[in-house]
Protein backbone atom coordinates (compact mmCIF):
# COMPACT_ATOMS: atom_id res chain seq x y z
CA MET A 1 -0.41 -40.26 23.52
CA THR A 2 -0.82 -40.16 19.75
CA LYS A 3 1.38 -42.36 17.58
CA HIS A 4 2.31 -40.76 14.25
CA LEU A 5 2.69 -43.37 11.54
CA TRP A 6 4.64 -43.30 8.33
CA ILE A 7 2.32 -42.46 5.43
CA ASP A 8 3.04 -44.22 2.14
CA ARG A 9 3.25 -41.30 -0.31
CA LYS A 10 2.78 -43.62 -3.29
CA MET A 11 -0.86 -43.97 -2.27
CA PHE A 12 -1.60 -40.26 -2.63
CA ARG A 13 -2.15 -38.24 -5.78
CA SER A 14 -0.58 -35.00 -4.53
CA LYS A 15 0.84 -33.21 -1.53
CA ASP A 16 -2.63 -31.80 -0.95
CA ASP A 17 -3.84 -35.26 0.04
CA ILE A 18 -1.07 -35.63 2.60
CA LEU A 19 -1.70 -32.16 4.00
CA PHE A 20 -5.41 -32.89 4.22
CA LEU A 21 -4.76 -35.97 6.36
CA LEU A 22 -2.29 -34.17 8.60
CA ASN A 23 -4.67 -31.25 9.14
CA ASN A 24 -7.98 -33.09 9.41
CA THR A 25 -7.35 -36.37 11.25
CA PRO A 26 -9.30 -36.14 14.56
CA SER A 27 -6.33 -36.80 16.83
CA CYS A 28 -6.24 -33.74 19.13
CA PRO A 29 -7.83 -34.23 22.59
CA GLN A 30 -10.68 -31.75 23.02
CA GLU A 31 -12.75 -32.50 26.14
CA THR A 32 -13.25 -35.33 28.62
CA PHE A 33 -16.48 -35.85 30.55
CA ASP A 34 -16.46 -38.12 33.60
CA TYR A 35 -19.74 -39.85 34.47
CA GLY A 36 -18.69 -40.71 38.02
CA GLU A 37 -19.57 -44.29 38.93
CA LYS A 38 -21.52 -44.90 35.72
CA ILE A 39 -19.67 -47.19 33.30
CA LEU A 40 -20.17 -46.18 29.66
CA ARG A 41 -20.84 -48.91 27.10
CA PHE A 42 -21.60 -47.21 23.80
CA ALA A 43 -21.94 -43.85 22.02
CA THR A 44 -23.25 -42.91 18.59
CA PHE A 45 -24.01 -39.72 16.66
CA SER A 46 -27.27 -38.99 14.87
CA ASN A 47 -27.22 -38.92 11.07
CA ASP A 48 -26.85 -35.13 10.91
CA GLY A 49 -24.45 -35.02 13.87
CA SER A 50 -26.68 -32.74 15.95
CA MET A 51 -27.33 -35.38 18.64
CA LEU A 52 -25.29 -37.90 20.59
CA ALA A 53 -26.68 -41.01 22.30
CA VAL A 54 -24.71 -42.56 25.17
CA ILE A 55 -25.39 -45.92 26.85
CA GLY A 56 -24.21 -46.61 30.40
CA ASN A 57 -24.39 -49.51 32.84
CA GLU A 58 -27.78 -50.54 34.26
CA CYS A 59 -29.19 -49.72 30.81
CA ARG A 60 -28.93 -45.97 31.22
CA LEU A 61 -29.59 -43.93 28.08
CA TRP A 62 -28.65 -40.29 27.55
CA VAL A 63 -29.45 -38.31 24.40
CA TYR A 64 -27.83 -34.88 23.97
CA ARG A 65 -28.68 -32.22 21.41
CA GLU A 66 -25.62 -30.00 21.15
CA GLU A 67 -24.75 -29.81 24.88
CA GLU A 68 -28.32 -30.06 26.22
CA GLU A 69 -29.66 -33.33 27.63
CA ILE A 70 -33.05 -34.04 26.03
CA LEU A 71 -33.50 -37.61 27.28
CA PHE A 72 -32.33 -39.64 30.24
CA VAL A 73 -33.95 -42.95 31.09
CA GLN A 74 -32.82 -45.91 33.19
CA LEU A 75 -34.26 -48.82 31.24
CA HIS A 76 -33.35 -51.35 33.92
CA GLU A 77 -35.91 -49.72 36.20
CA LYS A 78 -38.41 -48.53 33.59
CA ARG A 79 -38.50 -51.63 31.34
CA ARG A 80 -36.69 -54.26 33.46
CA TRP A 81 -33.90 -54.57 30.92
CA ASN A 82 -30.62 -56.31 31.72
CA LYS A 83 -28.66 -55.17 28.67
CA VAL A 84 -28.93 -52.73 25.76
CA LEU A 85 -28.18 -54.54 22.49
CA SER A 86 -28.38 -51.76 19.89
CA VAL A 87 -29.11 -48.05 19.48
CA GLU A 88 -29.99 -46.41 16.15
CA PHE A 89 -31.38 -43.03 15.09
CA SER A 90 -34.08 -42.95 12.42
CA PRO A 91 -32.98 -41.64 8.98
CA ASP A 92 -34.57 -38.23 9.69
CA ASP A 93 -33.29 -38.20 13.32
CA ASN A 94 -36.79 -37.64 14.72
CA HIS A 95 -36.81 -40.97 16.58
CA ILE A 96 -34.34 -43.31 18.22
CA LEU A 97 -34.66 -47.12 18.32
CA ILE A 98 -33.25 -49.03 21.31
CA VAL A 99 -33.27 -52.84 21.53
CA GLY A 100 -32.67 -54.49 24.89
CA PHE A 101 -32.65 -57.81 26.69
CA MET A 102 -35.40 -58.26 29.30
CA GLU A 103 -35.39 -60.26 32.51
CA GLU A 104 -36.54 -63.81 31.84
CA ILE A 105 -39.15 -64.00 34.62
CA LEU A 106 -41.00 -60.93 33.37
CA ALA A 107 -40.50 -61.55 29.68
CA MET A 108 -41.51 -65.23 29.76
CA ARG A 109 -40.60 -66.56 26.30
CA ARG A 110 -40.10 -63.11 24.77
CA LYS A 111 -36.77 -61.84 25.99
CA ASN A 112 -35.96 -58.88 23.74
CA GLU A 113 -37.79 -55.59 23.44
CA ALA A 114 -37.53 -52.72 20.94
CA CYS A 115 -38.46 -49.23 22.15
CA VAL A 116 -38.89 -46.15 19.98
CA TYR A 117 -38.50 -42.68 21.52
CA GLU A 118 -39.69 -39.56 19.74
CA LEU A 119 -37.06 -36.79 19.88
CA GLY A 120 -38.10 -33.14 20.12
CA GLU A 121 -35.98 -30.02 20.24
CA ASP A 122 -35.55 -30.12 24.02
CA HIS A 123 -37.42 -33.23 25.18
CA ALA A 124 -38.23 -36.84 24.27
CA ARG A 125 -41.00 -39.34 24.98
CA LEU A 126 -41.64 -43.06 24.58
CA HIS A 127 -43.48 -43.50 21.27
CA SER A 128 -43.95 -47.28 20.92
CA PHE A 129 -42.45 -50.66 21.78
CA ASN A 130 -42.43 -54.24 20.43
CA TYR A 131 -41.57 -57.58 22.03
CA LEU A 132 -39.06 -59.67 20.06
CA ASP A 133 -37.83 -63.25 20.21
CA GLN A 134 -34.68 -64.00 22.15
CA GLY A 135 -31.57 -62.92 20.26
CA MET A 136 -33.54 -60.99 17.65
CA LEU A 137 -32.55 -57.45 16.69
CA SER A 138 -34.30 -54.63 14.88
CA THR A 139 -33.33 -51.78 12.55
CA TRP A 140 -34.96 -48.85 10.74
CA LEU A 141 -36.39 -49.42 7.27
CA ASP A 142 -37.44 -45.78 6.84
CA ASN A 143 -38.65 -42.95 9.05
CA LYS A 144 -41.93 -44.68 9.93
CA HIS A 145 -41.14 -48.40 9.87
CA ILE A 146 -38.71 -50.80 11.50
CA LEU A 147 -37.66 -54.32 10.55
CA TYR A 148 -37.20 -57.11 13.03
CA MET A 149 -36.35 -60.80 12.83
CA SER A 150 -38.04 -63.92 14.16
CA ASN A 151 -36.84 -67.52 13.97
CA ASN A 152 -39.40 -69.31 16.17
CA GLY A 153 -36.68 -71.57 17.51
CA MET A 154 -35.32 -72.53 14.07
CA ARG A 155 -31.58 -71.90 14.03
CA ASP A 156 -31.14 -71.78 10.25
CA ARG A 157 -34.37 -70.14 9.10
CA MET A 158 -35.43 -66.55 9.57
CA ARG A 159 -38.51 -64.46 8.87
CA ILE A 160 -38.29 -60.67 8.68
CA PHE A 161 -41.27 -58.51 9.64
CA ILE A 162 -42.04 -54.86 9.02
CA SER A 163 -43.59 -52.92 11.88
CA SER A 164 -45.04 -49.41 11.77
CA ILE A 165 -44.30 -47.01 14.62
CA ASP A 166 -47.60 -45.27 13.87
CA ILE A 167 -50.44 -46.91 15.82
CA SER A 168 -52.98 -45.53 13.34
CA SER A 169 -51.52 -47.52 10.44
CA GLU A 170 -53.80 -49.81 8.44
CA ILE A 171 -51.56 -52.80 9.19
CA MET A 172 -49.21 -52.61 12.15
CA ILE A 173 -47.05 -55.72 11.57
CA PHE A 174 -46.74 -58.18 8.69
CA PRO A 175 -43.99 -60.50 7.33
CA ILE A 176 -42.13 -59.50 4.18
CA LEU A 177 -39.25 -61.97 3.73
CA THR A 178 -38.33 -65.54 4.70
CA PHE A 179 -34.76 -66.82 4.38
CA ASN A 180 -33.41 -70.34 4.60
CA THR A 181 -30.30 -69.14 6.42
CA ARG A 182 -29.23 -67.90 9.81
CA VAL A 183 -29.48 -64.14 10.42
CA THR A 184 -27.80 -62.54 13.43
CA LYS A 185 -27.43 -58.90 12.39
CA ILE A 186 -29.27 -56.63 9.95
CA LEU A 187 -28.82 -53.11 8.57
CA VAL A 188 -30.69 -51.13 5.93
CA ALA A 189 -29.01 -48.72 3.51
CA GLN A 190 -31.26 -45.82 2.54
CA HIS A 191 -29.89 -45.52 -1.01
CA VAL A 192 -29.81 -47.98 -3.90
CA SER A 193 -27.62 -47.15 -6.88
CA PRO A 194 -29.15 -47.03 -10.39
CA ARG A 195 -27.03 -50.03 -11.42
CA THR A 196 -28.21 -52.23 -8.53
CA ARG A 197 -31.81 -51.07 -8.93
CA LYS A 198 -31.89 -51.81 -12.67
CA ILE A 199 -30.24 -55.22 -12.32
CA THR A 200 -32.85 -56.14 -9.70
CA GLN A 201 -35.68 -54.96 -11.97
CA ILE A 202 -34.27 -56.90 -14.93
CA ALA A 203 -33.88 -60.05 -12.79
CA ASP A 204 -37.51 -59.76 -11.61
CA GLN A 205 -38.71 -59.33 -15.20
CA ALA A 206 -36.65 -62.33 -16.31
CA GLN A 207 -38.14 -64.47 -13.55
CA GLU A 208 -41.69 -63.46 -14.49
CA GLU A 209 -41.00 -64.28 -18.16
CA GLY A 210 -39.27 -67.58 -17.35
CA LYS A 211 -35.90 -66.41 -18.64
CA THR A 212 -32.42 -66.28 -17.17
CA LEU A 213 -30.76 -62.97 -16.35
CA SER A 214 -28.27 -63.49 -19.22
CA GLN A 215 -31.11 -64.06 -21.69
CA LYS A 216 -32.91 -60.94 -20.52
CA LEU A 217 -29.75 -58.83 -20.76
CA PHE A 218 -29.13 -60.14 -24.29
CA GLU A 219 -32.70 -59.20 -25.23
CA ILE A 220 -32.23 -55.69 -23.82
CA GLY A 221 -28.96 -55.41 -25.73
CA LEU A 222 -30.68 -56.24 -29.02
CA GLU A 223 -33.40 -53.65 -28.35
CA SER A 224 -30.97 -50.87 -27.38
CA GLY A 225 -28.14 -51.73 -29.76
CA VAL A 226 -25.70 -52.30 -26.89
CA ASP A 227 -23.19 -55.14 -26.76
CA VAL A 228 -23.99 -56.64 -23.33
CA ASN A 229 -20.75 -58.63 -23.47
CA ASN A 230 -18.89 -55.32 -23.37
CA MET A 231 -18.87 -54.59 -19.63
CA GLN A 232 -18.02 -50.93 -20.15
CA GLU A 233 -21.07 -50.37 -22.37
CA LEU A 234 -23.29 -52.42 -20.06
CA ARG A 235 -22.21 -50.45 -16.98
CA ALA A 236 -22.84 -47.16 -18.81
CA ILE A 237 -26.44 -48.23 -19.53
CA LEU A 238 -27.05 -49.52 -16.00
CA ASP A 239 -25.55 -46.45 -14.33
CA GLN A 240 -27.78 -44.00 -16.21
CA GLU A 241 -30.31 -42.30 -13.99
CA SER A 242 -33.38 -40.62 -15.47
CA GLN A 243 -33.60 -36.94 -14.65
CA CYS A 244 -35.35 -33.81 -15.85
CA MET A 245 -33.48 -31.02 -17.70
CA PRO A 246 -33.10 -28.74 -14.63
CA CYS A 247 -31.58 -31.64 -12.71
CA TYR A 248 -29.34 -32.57 -15.64
CA ARG A 249 -27.93 -29.04 -15.61
CA LEU A 250 -27.62 -29.07 -11.82
CA HIS A 251 -25.82 -32.41 -11.55
CA SER A 252 -23.72 -32.52 -14.73
CA HIS A 253 -21.27 -29.60 -14.57
CA HIS A 254 -17.83 -29.68 -12.92
CA ASP A 255 -19.14 -28.27 -9.62
CA ALA A 256 -22.16 -30.57 -9.60
CA VAL A 257 -24.60 -30.89 -6.73
CA SER A 258 -24.97 -34.45 -5.44
CA ARG A 259 -28.12 -36.28 -6.51
CA ARG A 260 -28.40 -37.64 -2.98
CA ASN A 261 -29.19 -34.15 -1.70
CA CYS A 262 -31.71 -33.41 -4.44
CA SER A 263 -35.41 -33.68 -3.58
CA CYS A 264 -36.63 -33.67 -7.20
CA GLN A 265 -38.99 -36.59 -7.89
CA CYS A 266 -37.40 -37.36 -11.27
CA HIS A 267 -34.72 -39.52 -9.68
CA HIS A 268 -36.30 -40.21 -6.34
CA ASN A 269 -36.82 -43.84 -5.36
CA THR A 270 -37.91 -45.60 -2.19
CA ASP A 271 -35.85 -48.76 -2.64
CA LYS A 272 -33.66 -49.88 0.26
CA LEU A 273 -30.78 -52.32 0.65
CA LEU A 274 -31.23 -54.98 3.33
CA ILE A 275 -27.83 -56.21 4.51
CA PHE A 276 -27.52 -59.13 6.89
CA HIS A 277 -25.21 -61.95 7.96
CA GLY A 278 -25.08 -65.00 10.18
CA ASN A 279 -22.14 -66.54 12.01
CA ASP A 280 -20.17 -67.59 8.92
CA ASP A 281 -18.21 -65.33 6.54
CA ARG A 282 -21.06 -64.54 4.13
CA LEU A 283 -22.59 -61.09 3.73
CA HIS A 284 -26.07 -61.12 2.12
CA ILE A 285 -27.75 -58.21 0.31
CA LYS A 286 -31.39 -57.95 -0.74
CA VAL A 287 -33.04 -55.00 -2.49
CA ILE A 288 -36.32 -54.09 -0.79
CA THR A 289 -38.57 -52.51 -3.39
CA HIS A 290 -41.99 -50.89 -3.08
CA ARG A 291 -43.34 -53.77 -5.18
CA LEU A 292 -41.98 -56.34 -2.70
CA LEU A 293 -43.65 -54.56 0.23
CA GLU A 294 -46.97 -54.22 -1.59
CA ARG A 295 -46.89 -57.89 -2.57
CA ALA A 296 -46.31 -58.90 1.07
CA LYS A 297 -49.09 -56.56 2.24
CA GLN A 298 -51.50 -58.07 -0.30
CA ALA A 299 -50.58 -61.58 0.85
CA TRP A 300 -51.34 -60.50 4.43
CA ARG A 301 -54.82 -59.31 3.40
CA GLN A 302 -55.53 -62.59 1.57
CA ARG A 303 -53.86 -64.98 4.03
CA GLY A 304 -55.71 -68.28 4.29
CA ASP A 305 -57.96 -67.50 1.30
CA VAL A 306 -55.67 -68.87 -1.39
CA GLU A 307 -54.53 -72.48 -1.22
CA GLU A 308 -51.08 -73.61 -2.38
CA ASP A 309 -49.98 -70.04 -3.02
CA ALA A 310 -46.20 -69.46 -2.93
CA ASP A 311 -46.52 -66.21 -0.98
CA GLN A 312 -48.81 -67.84 1.59
CA ASN A 313 -46.29 -70.63 2.13
CA ARG A 314 -43.32 -68.29 2.16
CA LEU A 315 -44.73 -65.74 4.60
CA PHE A 316 -47.29 -67.46 6.81
CA SER A 317 -46.56 -71.17 7.13
CA PRO A 318 -44.57 -72.23 10.22
CA LEU A 319 -40.84 -71.97 9.54
CA LEU A 320 -40.43 -75.68 10.28
CA HIS A 321 -42.79 -76.59 7.41
CA CYS A 322 -41.92 -73.73 5.05
CA THR A 323 -40.91 -74.91 1.56
CA SER A 324 -40.66 -71.57 -0.27
CA PHE A 325 -37.98 -69.00 0.53
CA ASP A 326 -36.77 -65.63 -0.70
CA THR A 327 -33.46 -65.33 -2.52
CA VAL A 328 -30.87 -62.63 -1.97
CA ASP A 329 -29.48 -60.44 -4.75
CA HIS A 330 -25.81 -60.52 -3.74
CA VAL A 331 -23.59 -62.69 -1.53
CA PHE A 332 -20.05 -61.71 -0.57
CA ARG A 333 -17.51 -63.82 1.30
CA THR A 334 -15.30 -61.84 3.67
CA GLY A 335 -13.00 -64.75 4.51
CA PHE A 336 -13.43 -64.12 8.26
CA SER A 337 -16.13 -65.12 10.73
CA LEU A 338 -18.84 -62.49 11.28
CA LEU A 339 -19.88 -63.90 14.66
CA LYS A 340 -18.45 -60.89 16.52
CA SER A 341 -18.76 -58.43 13.65
CA SER A 342 -19.35 -54.70 13.62
CA MET A 343 -20.99 -52.97 10.65
CA CYS A 344 -21.45 -49.32 9.72
CA PHE A 345 -22.21 -47.15 6.68
CA SER A 346 -20.47 -44.07 5.41
CA PRO A 347 -22.77 -41.04 5.95
CA ASP A 348 -23.92 -41.13 2.30
CA HIS A 349 -24.60 -44.90 2.53
CA ARG A 350 -22.33 -45.55 -0.41
CA TYR A 351 -19.85 -47.72 1.50
CA LEU A 352 -20.39 -50.50 4.02
CA TYR A 353 -17.62 -51.28 6.49
CA VAL A 354 -17.66 -54.61 8.32
CA THR A 355 -15.18 -56.32 10.65
CA GLY A 356 -14.58 -60.05 10.69
CA THR A 357 -12.59 -62.12 13.18
CA ARG A 358 -10.46 -65.24 13.17
CA GLU A 359 -9.38 -67.05 16.32
CA ALA A 360 -5.76 -68.04 16.89
CA GLU A 361 -4.80 -71.47 15.56
CA LYS A 362 -3.74 -72.60 19.02
CA PRO A 363 -6.85 -73.02 21.21
CA LYS A 364 -4.90 -72.01 24.31
CA ASP A 365 -4.20 -68.53 22.90
CA PRO A 366 -7.10 -66.24 23.97
CA ILE A 367 -6.59 -63.90 21.00
CA MET A 368 -8.30 -63.20 17.69
CA GLU A 369 -7.39 -61.53 14.42
CA ILE A 370 -9.46 -58.55 13.24
CA LYS A 371 -10.07 -58.00 9.51
CA PRO A 372 -11.98 -54.89 8.28
CA THR A 373 -13.62 -55.03 4.85
CA CYS A 374 -15.08 -52.25 2.68
CA LEU A 375 -17.93 -52.91 0.23
CA ASP A 376 -18.87 -50.32 -2.40
CA LEU A 377 -22.69 -50.40 -2.45
CA GLU A 378 -22.81 -48.40 -5.71
CA THR A 379 -20.97 -51.04 -7.73
CA MET A 380 -21.27 -54.06 -5.37
CA VAL A 381 -17.51 -54.56 -5.40
CA ILE A 382 -15.25 -55.10 -2.40
CA LYS A 383 -12.81 -52.18 -2.36
CA SER A 384 -9.29 -51.90 -0.98
CA THR A 385 -9.69 -52.49 2.74
CA PRO A 386 -8.01 -50.66 5.62
CA ASP A 387 -4.60 -52.19 6.33
CA PHE A 388 -4.83 -53.63 9.83
CA SER A 389 -1.57 -55.59 9.73
CA ILE A 390 0.08 -53.22 12.20
CA HIS A 391 -2.23 -54.35 15.01
CA PRO A 392 -4.18 -57.44 13.90
CA TRP A 393 -4.31 -59.55 17.06
CA VAL A 394 -6.30 -58.59 20.16
CA GLU A 395 -7.52 -60.39 23.24
CA TYR A 396 -10.61 -62.47 22.54
CA ASP A 397 -12.61 -60.80 25.33
CA TYR A 398 -12.25 -57.41 23.62
CA SER A 399 -14.77 -56.21 21.09
CA ALA A 400 -14.06 -54.33 17.87
CA CYS A 401 -16.29 -51.52 16.63
CA ILE A 402 -15.92 -49.71 13.31
CA THR A 403 -17.23 -46.23 12.47
CA ALA A 404 -16.84 -43.93 9.46
CA ASN A 405 -17.54 -40.49 8.06
CA ASN A 406 -16.81 -39.17 4.58
CA ASP A 407 -13.11 -38.59 5.31
CA PHE A 408 -12.02 -41.21 7.83
CA VAL A 409 -12.59 -44.73 9.13
CA ALA A 410 -11.95 -45.54 12.80
CA LEU A 411 -11.68 -48.88 14.56
CA PHE A 412 -10.92 -49.57 18.20
CA THR A 413 -9.45 -52.72 19.70
CA GLY A 414 -8.39 -52.96 23.30
CA LYS A 415 -6.84 -49.65 24.35
CA ASP A 416 -6.10 -48.26 20.88
CA VAL A 417 -8.11 -46.36 18.26
CA LEU A 418 -6.84 -46.65 14.68
CA LEU A 419 -7.74 -44.08 12.01
CA TRP A 420 -7.56 -44.47 8.23
CA SER A 421 -8.29 -42.21 5.30
CA SER A 422 -11.66 -43.41 3.95
CA PHE A 423 -10.51 -42.64 0.39
CA HIS A 424 -7.03 -44.17 0.43
CA ARG A 425 -7.46 -46.71 3.24
CA GLY A 426 -4.12 -48.57 3.27
CA TYR A 427 -1.93 -47.76 6.28
CA PRO A 428 -3.45 -46.05 9.36
CA THR A 429 -2.83 -42.32 9.57
CA LYS A 430 -2.96 -42.16 13.38
CA ILE A 431 -3.22 -44.40 16.42
CA LEU A 432 -4.77 -42.91 19.56
CA SER A 433 -3.42 -44.86 22.51
CA ASP A 434 -3.80 -42.55 25.52
CA PHE A 435 -6.34 -44.79 27.25
CA ASN A 436 -5.82 -46.42 30.64
CA TRP A 437 -8.72 -48.83 30.25
CA PRO A 438 -10.16 -50.86 27.36
CA ILE A 439 -12.29 -48.75 25.02
CA SER A 440 -15.96 -49.72 24.75
CA SER A 441 -16.94 -47.72 21.63
CA VAL A 442 -15.90 -45.03 19.16
CA ALA A 443 -18.00 -42.78 16.92
CA LEU A 444 -16.93 -40.40 14.16
CA HIS A 445 -19.02 -37.27 13.66
CA PRO A 446 -20.76 -37.63 10.26
CA LEU A 447 -20.13 -34.04 9.12
CA LYS A 448 -17.11 -32.79 11.10
CA ASN A 449 -13.78 -34.46 11.76
CA GLU A 450 -14.50 -35.13 15.41
CA LEU A 451 -14.35 -38.43 17.25
CA VAL A 452 -15.94 -39.62 20.49
CA ALA A 453 -14.63 -42.58 22.49
CA THR A 454 -16.07 -44.19 25.63
CA CYS A 455 -13.66 -45.69 28.16
CA GLN A 456 -14.86 -46.83 31.59
CA THR A 457 -16.56 -43.74 33.08
CA GLU A 458 -15.14 -41.27 30.55
CA LEU A 459 -16.54 -39.78 27.36
CA ARG A 460 -13.62 -38.35 25.36
CA TYR A 461 -13.80 -35.94 22.44
CA PHE A 462 -11.06 -35.63 19.81
CA GLN A 463 -10.92 -33.10 16.98
CA SER A 464 -8.76 -32.32 13.97
CA PRO A 465 -5.98 -29.69 14.13
CA VAL A 466 -8.03 -27.44 11.83
CA LEU A 467 -11.07 -27.59 14.11
CA LYS A 468 -8.87 -27.02 17.15
CA ILE A 469 -7.46 -23.82 15.63
CA GLU A 470 -10.97 -22.64 14.67
CA ASN A 471 -12.33 -23.31 18.17
CA ASN A 472 -9.39 -21.56 19.83
CA SER A 473 -9.83 -18.51 17.60
CA THR A 474 -13.56 -18.24 18.38
CA GLN A 475 -12.93 -18.53 22.12
CA THR A 476 -10.38 -15.72 22.08
């Protein structure tokens, strides 16, 4: 059953917006696949939407390309895993990273393992694997490297390592960052906006010159003739992106092509955004630059040769005795605990969606409040968040998972899936509630308005009314 909700027309610019939501919300049941006695835990699409990964009980992993199965592995038997903790496709979708929990007897002190499978057109193979500390997760930095965390038993200190998936690399693993805070979940955005990138560069220059960021901005203002106290002028300078004349013509007219899809080197950068949090309400963001990685690699080559060096202390001394730590570039408070959070990006990595939780005030009530938050990674400003007031409280044993594409945001709690417009947010546009069992995961297709939900042994597909009409017309 689909619940149709009242849509606040004050939130929309025209009738076209309302019609778009009515025609494109993925609320129409399409297909249901039953996996028999296999309980499904999780499903996720690849970045281009061409593949779907499904996790089942006993650590079963399926990867489908279109409708063809290209990988099936039972990691409980192959790797002695007890639980799959995370699944993530590489940015180019050529590999998939799976992190799992290993049996204690076999793993000894190392209880987590990260496996990378190489994905071909019609087959897949195990490419590499790494042992991780207990409770530590891993994520992709780029197409050839992954990041993983290590705390060496220290609850409030964390070191992040970079690991190559290419065994022929000059250096396979080396530390790049050390934080004096707890880290329980990490993600990496593949795009850094010009504003964020320039502020980071200016802050680094100010630190090298022994100046504050305000002093450096004032100096830049004098050189460029810009009043840095005028935020509108300052943003205009920071948002400028250097580009050649062909790109200027391509990206500047009314029907402009997105710079994100342009391969021209004039505005290409390799910077990434590291996003992480602990168990409190703080969301931390650090820009990972090529300079930062090269500096860490150089420190690795010279480790032990230089005494009383800040990089040596920061990256190689035991965490218990470490006295030098990295700083983050941004900290945001969500107001809700991130202990049981779920995070996802929009397909273009412009927005970050994260869910926080708050337990009921009465300890005897086994319920929690869910609060989704949206962070604009272009401007580093928390945007209007999806209105979850219609269904805020759920049983504490349930999990909440958020997913997004360019048009919609979806969140499941219990036996319901709520859908919002990703542009307007505000009130939900639809609630999908035709589930007999608690939902374990939802995933929105990144390019089409389709949705997949896992519930017990079922994998359910939903599509928009427009797609349903198109599919029916092609079948007839």
